[in-house]
Amino acid sequence: MSFPKKKSRKIIIDNHSFRWMIKVDYYGVMLLIISEEYNGQKLFANFRHSINGKGSCMYSNPFIVEPNLVRRTILYGISKGYNPKEKGNDMNLGDLSKELVIKTIDKN
Protein backbone atom coordinates (compact mmCIF):
# COMPACT_ATOMS: atom_id res chain seq x y z
CA MET A 1 0.00 0.00 0.00
CA SER A 2 1.21 3.48 -0.73
CA PHE A 3 -0.23 6.85 0.14
CA PRO A 4 -0.99 9.39 -2.56
CA LYS A 5 1.97 11.75 -2.70
CA LYS A 6 -0.24 14.84 -2.92
CA LYS A 7 -2.01 13.97 0.34
CA SER A 8 0.92 12.58 2.32
CA ARG A 9 4.22 13.84 3.62
CA LYS A 10 7.63 12.26 3.77
CA ILE A 11 9.81 11.89 6.85
CA ILE A 12 13.20 10.18 7.16
CA ILE A 13 14.24 8.50 10.40
CA ASP A 14 17.59 6.69 10.63
CA ASN A 15 17.95 6.67 6.82
CA HIS A 16 14.51 5.03 6.42
CA SER A 17 11.82 6.88 4.45
CA PHE A 18 8.25 6.91 5.73
CA ARG A 19 5.08 8.52 4.38
CA TRP A 20 2.45 9.88 6.72
CA MET A 21 -0.95 11.46 6.53
CA ILE A 22 -3.76 12.38 8.87
CA LYS A 23 -7.51 11.92 8.99
CA VAL A 24 -9.43 14.44 11.05
CA ASP A 25 -12.82 14.24 12.71
CA TYR A 26 -14.63 16.35 15.29
CA TYR A 27 -12.94 14.67 18.29
CA GLY A 28 -9.42 14.01 17.11
CA VAL A 29 -6.78 13.18 14.56
CA MET A 30 -5.72 9.77 13.28
CA LEU A 31 -2.10 9.56 12.16
CA LEU A 32 -1.34 6.91 9.50
CA ILE A 33 2.26 5.91 8.75
CA ILE A 34 3.79 3.50 6.24
CA SER A 35 7.28 2.69 5.05
CA GLU A 36 8.06 4.20 1.68
CA GLU A 37 10.70 1.54 1.03
CA TYR A 38 9.02 -1.68 2.20
CA ASN A 39 5.54 -3.13 1.99
CA GLY A 40 5.46 -3.86 5.71
CA GLN A 41 3.29 -3.11 8.69
CA LYS A 42 1.27 0.07 8.80
CA LEU A 43 1.26 2.20 11.96
CA PHE A 44 -1.77 4.08 13.32
CA ALA A 45 -2.14 6.44 16.29
CA ASN A 46 -4.87 8.76 17.55
CA PHE A 47 -4.69 12.16 19.24
CA ARG A 48 -7.68 13.97 20.75
CA HIS A 49 -8.35 17.66 20.12
CA SER A 50 -9.13 17.95 23.85
CA ILE A 51 -5.43 17.60 24.67
CA ASN A 52 -5.24 21.34 23.98
CA GLY A 53 -7.89 22.14 26.57
CA LYS A 54 -10.89 20.58 28.24
CA GLY A 55 -13.80 20.25 25.87
CA SER A 56 -11.88 21.40 22.82
CA CYS A 57 -13.00 20.35 19.39
CA MET A 58 -11.66 20.76 15.89
CA TYR A 59 -13.39 24.13 15.59
CA SER A 60 -12.41 25.77 18.87
CA ASN A 61 -8.85 24.47 19.23
CA PRO A 62 -7.56 22.27 16.39
CA PHE A 63 -4.78 19.78 17.01
CA ILE A 64 -1.82 20.33 14.67
CA VAL A 65 0.39 17.36 13.74
CA GLU A 66 4.01 18.42 13.31
CA PRO A 67 6.92 16.34 12.00
CA ASN A 68 8.42 16.05 15.49
CA LEU A 69 5.26 14.30 16.70
CA VAL A 70 5.34 11.95 13.70
CA ARG A 71 8.99 11.12 14.46
CA ARG A 72 8.23 10.45 18.13
CA THR A 73 5.22 8.31 17.19
CA ILE A 74 7.32 6.15 14.86
CA LEU A 75 10.04 5.70 17.47
CA TYR A 76 7.41 4.89 20.12
CA GLY A 77 5.84 2.35 17.75
CA ILE A 78 9.21 0.71 17.12
CA SER A 79 9.74 0.43 20.89
CA LYS A 80 6.36 -1.38 21.06
CA GLY A 81 7.21 -3.84 18.28
CA TYR A 82 6.38 -1.99 15.06
CA ASN A 83 8.52 -3.28 12.20
CA PRO A 84 8.09 -1.36 8.94
CA LYS A 85 10.30 -3.81 7.05
CA GLU A 86 8.27 -6.97 7.68
CA LYS A 87 4.75 -7.87 6.67
CA GLY A 88 2.33 -8.47 9.47
CA ASN A 89 -0.77 -7.15 11.11
CA ASP A 90 -1.10 -3.38 11.16
CA MET A 91 -0.18 -1.83 14.50
CA ASN A 92 -2.65 0.53 16.12
CA LEU A 93 -1.11 2.34 19.07
CA GLY A 94 -4.50 3.73 20.09
CA ASP A 95 -4.87 7.09 21.80
CA LEU A 96 -1.42 8.58 22.40
CA SER A 97 -2.70 11.87 23.77
CA LYS A 98 -1.29 11.00 27.20
CA GLU A 99 1.64 8.79 26.12
CA LEU A 100 3.47 11.37 24.04
CA VAL A 101 3.63 14.69 25.82
CA ILE A 102 2.53 17.42 23.46
CA LYS A 103 4.30 20.73 23.82
CA THR A 104 2.04 23.66 23.06
CA ILE A 105 2.95 27.30 22.69
CA ASP A 106 1.08 29.75 24.89
CA LYS A 107 -0.23 32.51 22.62
CA ASN A 108 -0.54 35.04 25.46
C-alpha atoms as a PDB file:
ATOM      1  CA  MET A   1       0.000   0.000   0.000  1.00  0.00           C
ATOM      2  CA  SER A   2       1.210   3.478  -0.726  1.00  0.00           C
ATOM      3  CA  PHE A   3      -0.228   6.854   0.140  1.00  0.00           C
ATOM      4  CA  PRO A   4      -0.992   9.386  -2.559  1.00  0.00           C
ATOM      5  CA  LYS A   5       1.971  11.753  -2.702  1.00  0.00           C
ATOM      6  CA  LYS A   6      -0.235  14.842  -2.916  1.00  0.00           C
ATOM      7  CA  LYS A   7      -2.008  13.974   0.340  1.00  0.00           C
ATOM      8  CA  SER A   8       0.915  12.583   2.324  1.00  0.00           C
ATOM      9  CA  ARG A   9       4.223  13.840   3.620  1.00  0.00           C
ATOM     10  CA  LYS A  10       7.633  12.261   3.773  1.00  0.00           C
ATOM     11  CA  ILE A  11       9.809  11.891   6.852  1.00  0.00           C
ATOM     12  CA  ILE A  12      13.196  10.184   7.157  1.00  0.00           C
ATOM     13  CA  ILE A  13      14.237   8.498  10.398  1.00  0.00           C
ATOM     14  CA  ASP A  14      17.593   6.690  10.634  1.00  0.00           C
ATOM     15  CA  ASN A  15      17.948   6.668   6.820  1.00  0.00           C
ATOM     16  CA  HIS A  16      14.514   5.035   6.421  1.00  0.00           C
ATOM     17  CA  SER A  17      11.817   6.877   4.450  1.00  0.00           C
ATOM     18  CA  PHE A  18       8.248   6.909   5.725  1.00  0.00           C
ATOM     19  CA  ARG A  19       5.084   8.517   4.375  1.00  0.00           C
ATOM     20  CA  TRP A  20       2.448   9.876   6.719  1.00  0.00           C
ATOM     21  CA  MET A  21      -0.948  11.462   6.528  1.00  0.00           C
ATOM     22  CA  ILE A  22      -3.759  12.382   8.870  1.00  0.00           C
ATOM     23  CA  LYS A  23      -7.506  11.922   8.988  1.00  0.00           C
ATOM     24  CA  VAL A  24      -9.426  14.441  11.053  1.00  0.00           C
ATOM     25  CA  ASP A  25     -12.815  14.238  12.708  1.00  0.00           C
ATOM     26  CA  TYR A  26     -14.629  16.348  15.288  1.00  0.00           C
ATOM     27  CA  TYR A  27     -12.938  14.673  18.293  1.00  0.00           C
ATOM     28  CA  GLY A  28      -9.417  14.011  17.107  1.00  0.00           C
ATOM     29  CA  VAL A  29      -6.775  13.181  14.564  1.00  0.00           C
ATOM     30  CA  MET A  30      -5.719   9.769  13.277  1.00  0.00           C
ATOM     31  CA  LEU A  31      -2.099   9.557  12.160  1.00  0.00           C
ATOM     32  CA  LEU A  32      -1.342   6.913   9.505  1.00  0.00           C
ATOM     33  CA  ILE A  33       2.258   5.913   8.751  1.00  0.00           C
ATOM     34  CA  ILE A  34       3.794   3.499   6.239  1.00  0.00           C
ATOM     35  CA  SER A  35       7.281   2.687   5.052  1.00  0.00           C
ATOM     36  CA  GLU A  36       8.059   4.200   1.679  1.00  0.00           C
ATOM     37  CA  GLU A  37      10.701   1.542   1.028  1.00  0.00           C
ATOM     38  CA  TYR A  38       9.025  -1.677   2.196  1.00  0.00           C
ATOM     39  CA  ASN A  39       5.540  -3.125   1.991  1.00  0.00           C
ATOM     40  CA  GLY A  40       5.462  -3.862   5.708  1.00  0.00           C
ATOM     41  CA  GLN A  41       3.292  -3.110   8.693  1.00  0.00           C
ATOM     42  CA  LYS A  42       1.269   0.071   8.804  1.00  0.00           C
ATOM     43  CA  LEU A  43       1.258   2.195  11.962  1.00  0.00           C
ATOM     44  CA  PHE A  44      -1.768   4.078  13.324  1.00  0.00           C
ATOM     45  CA  ALA A  45      -2.137   6.439  16.286  1.00  0.00           C
ATOM     46  CA  ASN A  46      -4.869   8.763  17.554  1.00  0.00           C
ATOM     47  CA  PHE A  47      -4.692  12.159  19.243  1.00  0.00           C
ATOM     48  CA  ARG A  48      -7.677  13.971  20.748  1.00  0.00           C
ATOM     49  CA  HIS A  49      -8.350  17.657  20.124  1.00  0.00           C
ATOM     50  CA  SER A  50      -9.131  17.951  23.846  1.00  0.00           C
ATOM     51  CA  ILE A  51      -5.428  17.596  24.667  1.00  0.00           C
ATOM     52  CA  ASN A  52      -5.241  21.336  23.979  1.00  0.00           C
ATOM     53  CA  GLY A  53      -7.890  22.142  26.574  1.00  0.00           C
ATOM     54  CA  LYS A  54     -10.893  20.580  28.240  1.00  0.00           C
ATOM     55  CA  GLY A  55     -13.799  20.246  25.870  1.00  0.00           C
ATOM     56  CA  SER A  56     -11.878  21.400  22.816  1.00  0.00           C
ATOM     57  CA  CYS A  57     -12.995  20.347  19.387  1.00  0.00           C
ATOM     58  CA  MET A  58     -11.660  20.757  15.889  1.00  0.00           C
ATOM     59  CA  TYR A  59     -13.389  24.131  15.588  1.00  0.00           C
ATOM     60  CA  SER A  60     -12.410  25.773  18.869  1.00  0.00           C
ATOM     61  CA  ASN A  61      -8.850  24.470  19.226  1.00  0.00           C
ATOM     62  CA  PRO A  62      -7.561  22.268  16.388  1.00  0.00           C
ATOM     63  CA  PHE A  63      -4.782  19.785  17.010  1.00  0.00           C
ATOM     64  CA  ILE A  64      -1.817  20.332  14.673  1.00  0.00           C
ATOM     65  CA  VAL A  65       0.390  17.365  13.741  1.00  0.00           C
ATOM     66  CA  GLU A  66       4.011  18.424  13.309  1.00  0.00           C
ATOM     67  CA  PRO A  67       6.922  16.336  11.998  1.00  0.00           C
ATOM     68  CA  ASN A  68       8.418  16.047  15.487  1.00  0.00           C
ATOM     69  CA  LEU A  69       5.260  14.303  16.699  1.00  0.00           C
ATOM     70  CA  VAL A  70       5.342  11.948  13.703  1.00  0.00           C
ATOM     71  CA  ARG A  71       8.992  11.117  14.462  1.00  0.00           C
ATOM     72  CA  ARG A  72       8.230  10.447  18.128  1.00  0.00           C
ATOM     73  CA  THR A  73       5.216   8.314  17.189  1.00  0.00           C
ATOM     74  CA  ILE A  74       7.316   6.153  14.862  1.00  0.00           C
ATOM     75  CA  LEU A  75      10.037   5.704  17.475  1.00  0.00           C
ATOM     76  CA  TYR A  76       7.414   4.886  20.117  1.00  0.00           C
ATOM     77  CA  GLY A  77       5.842   2.348  17.750  1.00  0.00           C
ATOM     78  CA  ILE A  78       9.209   0.711  17.121  1.00  0.00           C
ATOM     79  CA  SER A  79       9.741   0.425  20.889  1.00  0.00           C
ATOM     80  CA  LYS A  80       6.363  -1.379  21.062  1.00  0.00           C
ATOM     81  CA  GLY A  81       7.206  -3.838  18.278  1.00  0.00           C
ATOM     82  CA  TYR A  82       6.376  -1.990  15.057  1.00  0.00           C
ATOM     83  CA  ASN A  83       8.524  -3.279  12.200  1.00  0.00           C
ATOM     84  CA  PRO A  84       8.089  -1.355   8.940  1.00  0.00           C
ATOM     85  CA  LYS A  85      10.304  -3.810   7.046  1.00  0.00           C
ATOM     86  CA  GLU A  86       8.268  -6.970   7.685  1.00  0.00           C
ATOM     87  CA  LYS A  87       4.750  -7.872   6.667  1.00  0.00           C
ATOM     88  CA  GLY A  88       2.330  -8.471   9.467  1.00  0.00           C
ATOM     89  CA  ASN A  89      -0.772  -7.148  11.113  1.00  0.00           C
ATOM     90  CA  ASP A  90      -1.095  -3.384  11.164  1.00  0.00           C
ATOM     91  CA  MET A  91      -0.178  -1.826  14.503  1.00  0.00           C
ATOM     92  CA  ASN A  92      -2.652   0.529  16.120  1.00  0.00           C
ATOM     93  CA  LEU A  93      -1.109   2.343  19.068  1.00  0.00           C
ATOM     94  CA  GLY A  94      -4.499   3.725  20.094  1.00  0.00           C
ATOM     95  CA  ASP A  95      -4.872   7.092  21.800  1.00  0.00           C
ATOM     96  CA  LEU A  96      -1.416   8.579  22.398  1.00  0.00           C
ATOM     97  CA  SER A  97      -2.703  11.866  23.770  1.00  0.00           C
ATOM     98  CA  LYS A  98      -1.291  10.997  27.200  1.00  0.00           C
ATOM     99  CA  GLU A  99       1.641   8.790  26.115  1.00  0.00           C
ATOM    100  CA  LEU A 100       3.468  11.370  24.037  1.00  0.00           C
ATOM    101  CA  VAL A 101       3.631  14.693  25.822  1.00  0.00           C
ATOM    102  CA  ILE A 102       2.526  17.421  23.455  1.00  0.00           C
ATOM    103  CA  LYS A 103       4.297  20.732  23.817  1.00  0.00           C
ATOM    104  CA  THR A 104       2.040  23.660  23.062  1.00  0.00           C
ATOM    105  CA  ILE A 105       2.952  27.301  22.687  1.00  0.00           C
ATOM    106  CA  ASP A 106       1.081  29.749  24.885  1.00  0.00           C
ATOM    107  CA  LYS A 107      -0.230  32.509  22.618  1.00  0.00           C
ATOM    108  CA  ASN A 108      -0.538  35.045  25.459  1.00  0.00           C
END
